[in-house]
Structure formats: C-alpha cells, structure tokens
Protein backbone atom coordinates (compact mmCIF):
# COMPACT_ATOMS: atom_id res chain seq x y z
CA MET A 1 92.76 98.37 115.30
CA SER A 2 92.87 101.71 117.30
CA GLY A 3 91.34 101.36 121.06
CA GLY A 4 89.40 98.84 122.37
CA LYS A 5 88.54 97.14 125.66
CA ASN A 6 92.43 95.55 125.96
CA CYS A 7 94.27 98.94 125.23
CA TYR A 8 94.97 101.53 127.91
CA PRO A 9 92.52 104.95 127.97
CA GLU A 10 92.80 106.97 125.31
CA SER A 11 95.32 104.92 123.36
CA ASP A 12 95.73 102.11 120.95
CA VAL A 13 98.54 100.60 122.70
CA LEU A 14 97.69 97.12 124.35
CA ILE A 15 97.48 96.63 128.10
CA ASN A 16 100.82 94.64 129.06
CA LYS A 17 102.28 93.16 132.25
CA TYR A 18 105.45 95.31 131.58
CA ASN A 19 103.06 98.04 131.43
CA ILE A 20 104.99 99.37 128.33
CA ARG A 21 102.92 102.46 126.88
CA GLU A 22 104.91 102.95 123.49
CA LYS A 23 103.32 101.19 120.70
CA GLU A 24 106.47 100.56 118.53
CA LEU A 25 108.40 99.51 121.92
CA LEU A 26 105.78 97.06 122.76
CA GLU A 27 105.65 95.64 119.27
CA LYS A 28 109.38 95.13 119.02
CA PHE A 29 109.39 93.43 122.74
CA GLU A 30 106.57 91.01 121.70
CA ILE A 31 108.18 89.99 118.85
CA GLN A 32 111.28 89.06 120.67
CA LYS A 33 109.07 87.06 123.60
CA VAL A 34 106.75 85.24 120.90
CA PHE A 35 109.89 84.14 118.83
CA ALA A 36 111.64 82.58 122.03
CA LYS A 37 108.40 80.93 122.52
CA LEU A 38 108.24 79.44 119.31
CA LEU A 39 111.93 78.35 119.42
CA GLY A 40 110.77 76.44 122.23
CA LEU A 41 108.04 74.75 121.19
CA ASP A 42 109.96 73.77 118.13
CA VAL A 43 112.40 72.10 120.58
CA LYS A 44 109.81 70.53 122.37
CA PRO A 45 106.06 70.19 120.79
CA THR A 46 104.83 68.45 123.48
CA ARG A 47 104.82 71.36 125.93
CA ILE A 48 101.12 71.90 124.63
CA ALA A 49 98.79 68.66 124.70
CA TYR A 50 97.54 67.58 121.17
CA THR A 51 94.29 67.70 121.82
CA TYR A 52 92.86 69.03 118.60
CA ASP A 53 90.07 71.08 119.86
CA VAL A 54 89.34 74.61 120.96
CA GLU A 55 91.29 74.02 124.15
CA HIS A 56 94.26 73.05 121.96
CA MET A 57 93.86 76.49 120.25
CA VAL A 58 93.57 78.35 123.56
CA ASN A 59 96.30 76.87 124.52
CA ILE A 60 98.75 77.65 121.81
CA HIS A 61 97.58 81.53 122.38
CA LYS A 62 98.61 81.54 126.28
CA TYR A 63 101.75 79.89 125.76
CA LEU A 64 102.59 82.49 122.98
CA PHE A 65 101.29 85.35 124.63
CA GLY A 66 101.05 84.66 128.60
CA ASP A 67 104.26 86.49 129.62
CA ILE A 68 103.06 89.77 127.67
CA TYR A 69 99.18 89.97 128.33
CA GLU A 70 97.11 89.00 131.14
CA TRP A 71 94.33 88.37 128.95
CA ALA A 72 96.44 85.88 126.57
CA GLY A 73 94.32 82.56 126.15
CA THR A 74 90.98 83.89 125.90
CA PHE A 75 88.79 84.99 123.17
CA ARG A 76 88.44 88.74 122.23
CA LYS A 77 85.34 90.48 123.53
CA GLU A 78 84.65 92.81 121.07
CA ASN A 79 84.83 93.11 117.16
CA LEU A 80 87.21 94.15 115.10
CA TYR A 81 88.72 96.45 112.59
CA LYS A 82 92.20 95.85 111.29
CA SER A 83 93.48 97.89 108.56
CA GLU A 84 94.84 95.86 105.57
CA ARG A 85 97.21 97.25 103.17
CA VAL A 86 95.99 94.72 100.17
CA LEU A 87 92.31 96.62 100.86
CA SER A 88 93.93 100.06 100.84
CA GLY A 89 93.38 100.23 104.96
CA GLY A 90 90.01 98.34 104.91
CA SER A 91 89.41 95.31 107.24
CA ALA A 92 88.46 91.97 106.07
CA GLU A 93 85.34 90.47 107.87
CA TYR A 94 85.73 88.66 111.19
CA ALA A 95 83.42 86.76 113.12
CA ASP A 96 81.36 88.21 115.71
CA TYR A 97 83.16 88.13 118.99
CA HIS A 98 79.51 86.29 120.55
CA GLU A 99 79.91 83.15 117.50
CA ILE A 100 83.64 82.66 118.08
CA GLU A 101 83.63 79.74 120.56
CA LYS A 102 80.70 77.98 118.44
CA ARG A 103 82.40 78.58 115.09
CA LEU A 104 85.49 77.14 116.12
CA LYS A 105 84.23 74.23 117.56
CA LYS A 106 82.02 73.79 114.57
CA LEU A 107 85.20 73.81 112.44
CA LEU A 108 87.23 71.47 114.62
CA GLN A 109 84.60 69.32 114.57
CA GLU A 110 84.46 69.19 110.54
CA TYR A 111 87.93 68.18 110.06
CA ALA A 112 88.45 66.01 113.07
CA ASP A 113 87.76 62.91 111.42
CA ILE A 114 89.82 63.36 108.18
CA ASP A 115 92.84 61.55 107.57
CA TRP A 116 95.48 63.99 106.89
CA MET A 117 97.91 61.34 105.64
CA LYS A 118 95.70 59.90 103.32
CA THR A 119 93.78 63.11 102.18
CA THR A 120 93.67 63.65 98.34
CA LYS A 121 94.35 67.60 97.48
CA LYS A 122 95.98 68.04 100.73
CA GLY A 123 97.24 71.61 99.75
CA GLU A 124 93.93 72.60 99.24
CA ALA A 125 92.43 71.00 102.47
CA VAL A 126 94.87 72.70 104.62
CA SER A 127 94.62 76.23 102.71
CA ASP A 128 90.98 75.95 103.48
CA PHE A 129 91.29 75.18 107.45
CA LEU A 130 93.94 77.68 107.87
CA LEU A 131 91.46 80.49 106.14
CA GLU A 132 88.67 79.14 108.24
CA LEU A 133 90.52 79.27 111.20
CA TRP A 134 92.02 82.80 110.64
CA SER A 135 88.69 84.19 109.59
CA ILE A 136 87.15 83.53 112.93
CA HIS A 137 89.97 85.44 114.18
CA PRO A 138 89.33 84.18 117.79
CA PHE A 139 92.06 86.82 119.71
CA ARG A 140 92.44 90.30 120.06
CA GLU A 141 96.60 90.08 119.33
CA GLY A 142 98.33 87.56 117.47
CA ASN A 143 95.87 85.84 115.76
CA THR A 144 97.65 85.01 112.71
CA ARG A 145 100.65 83.98 114.55
CA THR A 146 98.55 81.75 116.66
CA CYS A 147 96.81 80.30 113.62
CA ILE A 148 100.31 79.10 111.83
CA THR A 149 101.59 78.03 115.30
CA PHE A 150 98.41 75.98 115.80
CA LEU A 151 98.34 74.69 112.24
CA TRP A 152 101.73 73.47 112.32
CA HIS A 153 101.27 71.78 115.62
CA TYR A 154 97.52 70.14 114.53
CA LEU A 155 99.32 68.49 111.57
CA LYS A 156 102.46 67.11 113.11
CA GLY A 157 100.23 65.51 115.78
CA LYS A 158 98.51 64.07 113.09
CA GLY A 159 101.73 62.85 111.38
CA VAL A 160 101.96 65.43 108.56
CA ASP A 161 105.43 67.19 108.02
CA PHE A 162 104.58 70.82 107.72
CA GLN A 163 107.49 73.15 106.92
CA VAL A 164 105.99 76.34 108.99
CA ALA A 165 109.24 78.12 108.82
CA LEU A 166 108.10 79.07 104.96
CA LEU A 167 104.98 81.18 106.30
CA ARG A 168 106.93 82.18 109.52
CA ASN A 169 109.54 83.84 107.28
CA ASN A 170 106.88 85.47 105.20
CA PRO A 171 104.65 87.08 107.03
CA MET A 172 103.37 89.83 104.87
CA TYR A 173 102.71 87.69 102.06
CA VAL A 174 100.75 85.00 104.41
CA ARG A 175 98.79 87.76 105.49
CA ASP A 176 97.98 89.28 102.39
CA SER A 177 97.20 85.84 101.06
CA LEU A 178 94.99 85.20 103.72
CA VAL A 179 92.88 88.57 103.28
CA MET A 180 92.76 87.72 99.11
CA ALA A 181 91.66 83.95 100.11
CA ASN A 182 88.96 85.47 102.02
CA TYR A 183 87.74 86.92 98.93
CA ASP A 184 87.86 83.75 96.71
CA GLN A 185 91.19 84.61 95.18
CA LYS A 186 93.15 81.53 96.71
CA GLU A 187 96.07 80.67 94.65
CA TYR A 188 98.57 82.56 96.58
CA LEU A 189 97.74 81.07 100.03
CA LYS A 190 97.65 77.49 98.14
CA ARG A 191 101.15 78.14 96.55
CA ILE A 192 102.75 78.51 100.06
CA ILE A 193 100.84 76.01 101.82
CA SER A 194 101.55 73.24 99.30
CA ASP A 195 105.29 74.29 99.85
CA ALA A 196 105.48 73.87 103.28
CA LEU A 197 103.66 70.24 102.84
CA GLN A 198 105.77 69.07 99.93
CA GLY A 199 109.02 70.14 100.72
CA GLU A 200 109.98 71.42 97.58
CA THR A 201 111.40 74.74 99.23
CA GLN A 202 114.37 73.76 101.81
CA GLU A 203 112.86 74.61 105.48
CA SER A 204 115.26 77.78 106.66
CA GLU A 205 115.59 78.62 110.54
CA TYR A 206 113.09 81.03 111.79
CA SER A 207 114.02 84.64 111.54
CA MET A 208 113.52 87.36 113.29
CA ASN A 209 113.14 90.22 110.67
CA GLU A 210 111.36 93.31 112.15
CA GLU A 211 111.52 95.17 108.83
CA GLN A 212 110.01 91.93 106.75
CA SER A 213 112.23 92.52 104.04
CA GLY A 214 113.83 89.99 101.73
CA GLU A 215 110.61 87.58 101.62
CA GLN A 216 111.08 84.69 99.82
CA TYR A 217 107.39 84.83 98.20
CA GLU A 218 105.75 87.69 96.92
CA ILE A 219 102.39 88.33 94.98
CA ALA A 220 102.42 89.40 91.47
CA LYS A 221 101.89 93.19 91.08
CA ALA A 222 99.05 93.06 88.51
CA ASP A 223 97.33 90.97 90.75
CA TYR A 224 97.91 92.72 93.72
CA GLU A 225 96.90 96.09 92.13
CA ALA A 226 93.49 94.51 90.52
CA PHE A 227 92.74 93.05 93.59
CA ARG A 228 93.32 96.35 95.58
CA GLU A 229 91.06 98.09 92.78
CA LYS A 230 88.13 95.21 93.19
CA TYR A 231 87.61 94.91 96.79
CA SER A 232 89.05 98.08 98.66
CA ILE A 233 86.59 99.23 101.53
CA LYS A 234 86.40 103.28 100.76
CA LYS A 235 86.30 104.80 104.03
CA ASP A 236 83.80 107.74 104.52
C-alpha cells in the first residue's frame, strides 16, 4: 500500500520510532526486530496472556511491533490496497476498517467453544480460522505475521501442537496460499496447515531469510498461472 495515515507525508514509508525514512532499510530493520521478538515468545509463550479474545490479538501485534511503531496494537484506521503477485499486482479484499473489531469479536466467538483437541478435520478448521482472521486484516502493517503468531499462540494455549516454523520459513507460499484461499482455492493453505498440525515435516528452527529463497513449499506453476489468469484484477 502506498501512503496512508501511518506514513510520512508524501511517502510510503511507515512512521517509526527510529525515524528511518528509507523503505528498504526500515523493512530490513523490522525483520530483525520482529525475529528477536518471535524467538522471545517461543522461549516464553506466557509473555502474552492466553485470553483468546480481541485483546489477545492486539497484544500479539503490540508485542511484535511495539518497539518500532507507536501505533502498534491499534487497528488500522483506513481501508487497504496491498499489491499481490498472485493477483498480478491487484489486492485481495479486506474488511472495511469500521468493521474490524466487530468482525474479530464475531469470529473469535464462533470458535470459542471448539474443542481443538477432539475436533474432526482439524486441518480444515484451522485453515478456515486463519483465513478468516487474515481476511479481516486488522492492522496496517504486520498483519500476516501477527495472524500466524496468534494462531500458534492460540492453539498452544488450547493444547494443540502446531509447528509454526513451517509457516514462518515459507512466507511467500503462505501469503500466496492465503490469497488463493480467499478465492476458494484452499488446497495449498490446507497442505501447510495440515503438515504443521500433524508433525509430518520435521520442525526446523525459524530462519531469518530476507531473500525468501529456498522455501520448502511451492505452488504448482500450472495452478499459479491459472489462478492469476482467472482472478487478476485489471488496473485502469
């Protein structure tokens, strides 16, 4: 997304506590800061209380990004357009910013009574939960990382083992699969979620890979191209 209320005037650089005005430098700095925060939460998950509500989600975002942005832990106050490669630069549809809190409360309430340890088709249920959470897109920056971390922390509190490193180490695949799932092509999202739940793939340590190369998961080229052809949003 270019510009917006959280950016410096006439810029697409997010206003930050370090007054970094170069977008690429800020992105690299953010990766390093959030990487350290994620490791800290992995070591001590109880840094954030297991409340399973909107406050839980907000506290995850504030914990991850609070060292960088004053507005961390607050919902976005404008609608978003975020370029997606799987949509040829178009944007997925996110919740209107006026509806964020209401939709989050409704979603979390819908899943509040699920016994995650006993539910059938757990991979499908967790995939749908993450997709709905991600599609609301509560935050201006760091939405995907916050949703994935919240999902891991939420499930951990419910006694469910979830290999979050699989998702963290395959960020481009996860993002593309979320966009595709938003258009009812859910098999790729379900695949990595099911693997993370079943422990079929040995969990690797979370690696900070800025180039996003060497990802373990890949969307089939034919499916990728067919999706882009069908759903790409044509710009004026």
